[in-house]
Amino acid sequence: MNYQHIENLLIRYRGDAVTVKTISGGIYEGVISEVTNDYVAMKTTDTVGENDVVIVLLHAVESVLPQRT
């Protein structure tokens, strides 16, 4: 299956804060830093203020919710 639609959606929100829900039920919040045809990379910040990068495979994405700024 081609994941071009979700890739285009994520490219549209590159640099913006989003919440991504995966098919397995994981919820990831962060700023989209990179989008490829296989995955999306998001920069996240934990409660201590540490930065991290989360990689989510496109075939695992169930929904994307843009965050208000």
C-alpha atoms as a PDB file:
ATOM      1  CA  MET A   1       0.000   0.000   0.000  1.00  0.00           C
ATOM      2  CA  ASN A   2       1.174   3.502  -0.805  1.00  0.00           C
ATOM      3  CA  TYR A   3       1.395   5.940   2.125  1.00  0.00           C
ATOM      4  CA  GLN A   4       1.647   9.059  -0.041  1.00  0.00           C
ATOM      5  CA  HIS A   5      -1.429  10.707   1.539  1.00  0.00           C
ATOM      6  CA  ILE A   6      -0.111  10.587   5.118  1.00  0.00           C
ATOM      7  CA  GLU A   7       3.335  11.653   3.887  1.00  0.00           C
ATOM      8  CA  ASN A   8       1.814  14.711   2.160  1.00  0.00           C
ATOM      9  CA  LEU A   9      -0.174  15.564   5.284  1.00  0.00           C
ATOM     10  CA  LEU A  10       2.917  15.393   7.494  1.00  0.00           C
ATOM     11  CA  ILE A  11       4.946  17.466   5.020  1.00  0.00           C
ATOM     12  CA  ARG A  12       2.238  20.113   5.196  1.00  0.00           C
ATOM     13  CA  TYR A  13       2.730  20.349   8.986  1.00  0.00           C
ATOM     14  CA  ARG A  14       6.557  20.144   8.960  1.00  0.00           C
ATOM     15  CA  GLY A  15       7.945  22.451  11.642  1.00  0.00           C
ATOM     16  CA  ASP A  16       4.616  22.513  13.512  1.00  0.00           C
ATOM     17  CA  ALA A  17       3.635  20.749  16.737  1.00  0.00           C
ATOM     18  CA  VAL A  18       1.427  17.692  16.218  1.00  0.00           C
ATOM     19  CA  THR A  19       0.102  14.689  18.082  1.00  0.00           C
ATOM     20  CA  VAL A  20       0.475  11.389  16.232  1.00  0.00           C
ATOM     21  CA  LYS A  21      -1.544   8.338  17.265  1.00  0.00           C
ATOM     22  CA  THR A  22      -0.348   4.942  16.074  1.00  0.00           C
ATOM     23  CA  ILE A  23      -2.324   1.804  15.283  1.00  0.00           C
ATOM     24  CA  SER A  24      -0.850   0.140  18.384  1.00  0.00           C
ATOM     25  CA  GLY A  25      -2.253   2.925  20.581  1.00  0.00           C
ATOM     26  CA  GLY A  26       0.931   4.926  21.129  1.00  0.00           C
ATOM     27  CA  ILE A  27       0.538   8.695  21.300  1.00  0.00           C
ATOM     28  CA  TYR A  28       3.486  10.924  20.406  1.00  0.00           C
ATOM     29  CA  GLU A  29       3.607  14.711  20.712  1.00  0.00           C
ATOM     30  CA  GLY A  30       6.310  16.823  19.145  1.00  0.00           C
ATOM     31  CA  VAL A  31       7.436  19.096  16.343  1.00  0.00           C
ATOM     32  CA  ILE A  32       7.873  17.463  12.938  1.00  0.00           C
ATOM     33  CA  SER A  33      11.506  17.746  11.937  1.00  0.00           C
ATOM     34  CA  GLU A  34      11.769  15.319   9.021  1.00  0.00           C
ATOM     35  CA  VAL A  35       9.400  13.393   6.758  1.00  0.00           C
ATOM     36  CA  THR A  36      10.442  10.645   4.341  1.00  0.00           C
ATOM     37  CA  ASN A  37       8.431   8.107   2.391  1.00  0.00           C
ATOM     38  CA  ASP A  38       9.029   5.623   5.263  1.00  0.00           C
ATOM     39  CA  TYR A  39       8.909   7.561   8.535  1.00  0.00           C
ATOM     40  CA  VAL A  40       8.332  10.846  10.335  1.00  0.00           C
ATOM     41  CA  ALA A  41      10.853  12.214  12.846  1.00  0.00           C
ATOM     42  CA  MET A  42       9.547  14.431  15.648  1.00  0.00           C
ATOM     43  CA  LYS A  43      11.462  16.449  18.228  1.00  0.00           C
ATOM     44  CA  THR A  44       9.946  16.006  21.678  1.00  0.00           C
ATOM     45  CA  THR A  45      10.551  17.566  25.079  1.00  0.00           C
ATOM     46  CA  ASP A  46       9.988  15.639  28.310  1.00  0.00           C
ATOM     47  CA  THR A  47       8.872  17.005  31.671  1.00  0.00           C
ATOM     48  CA  VAL A  48      12.474  17.710  32.710  1.00  0.00           C
ATOM     49  CA  GLY A  49      13.091  19.762  29.567  1.00  0.00           C
ATOM     50  CA  GLU A  50      15.291  17.197  27.824  1.00  0.00           C
ATOM     51  CA  ASN A  51      14.982  17.049  24.031  1.00  0.00           C
ATOM     52  CA  ASP A  52      14.641  13.760  22.190  1.00  0.00           C
ATOM     53  CA  VAL A  53      13.746  12.522  18.713  1.00  0.00           C
ATOM     54  CA  VAL A  54      10.925  10.044  18.063  1.00  0.00           C
ATOM     55  CA  ILE A  55      10.739   8.113  14.789  1.00  0.00           C
ATOM     56  CA  VAL A  56       7.308   6.776  13.729  1.00  0.00           C
ATOM     57  CA  LEU A  57       6.920   4.571  10.660  1.00  0.00           C
ATOM     58  CA  LEU A  58       4.256   5.879   8.290  1.00  0.00           C
ATOM     59  CA  HIS A  59       2.448   2.530   8.068  1.00  0.00           C
ATOM     60  CA  ALA A  60       1.881   2.718  11.857  1.00  0.00           C
ATOM     61  CA  VAL A  61       0.201   6.169  11.816  1.00  0.00           C
ATOM     62  CA  GLU A  62      -3.517   6.094  12.576  1.00  0.00           C
ATOM     63  CA  SER A  63      -4.175   9.825  13.009  1.00  0.00           C
ATOM     64  CA  VAL A  64      -2.457  13.217  13.113  1.00  0.00           C
ATOM     65  CA  LEU A  65      -3.733  16.131  15.190  1.00  0.00           C
ATOM     66  CA  PRO A  66      -2.136  19.557  14.644  1.00  0.00           C
ATOM     67  CA  GLN A  67      -1.616  21.525  17.867  1.00  0.00           C
ATOM     68  CA  ARG A  68      -2.658  25.134  18.263  1.00  0.00           C
ATOM     69  CA  THR A  69       0.177  27.594  18.733  1.00  0.00           C
END
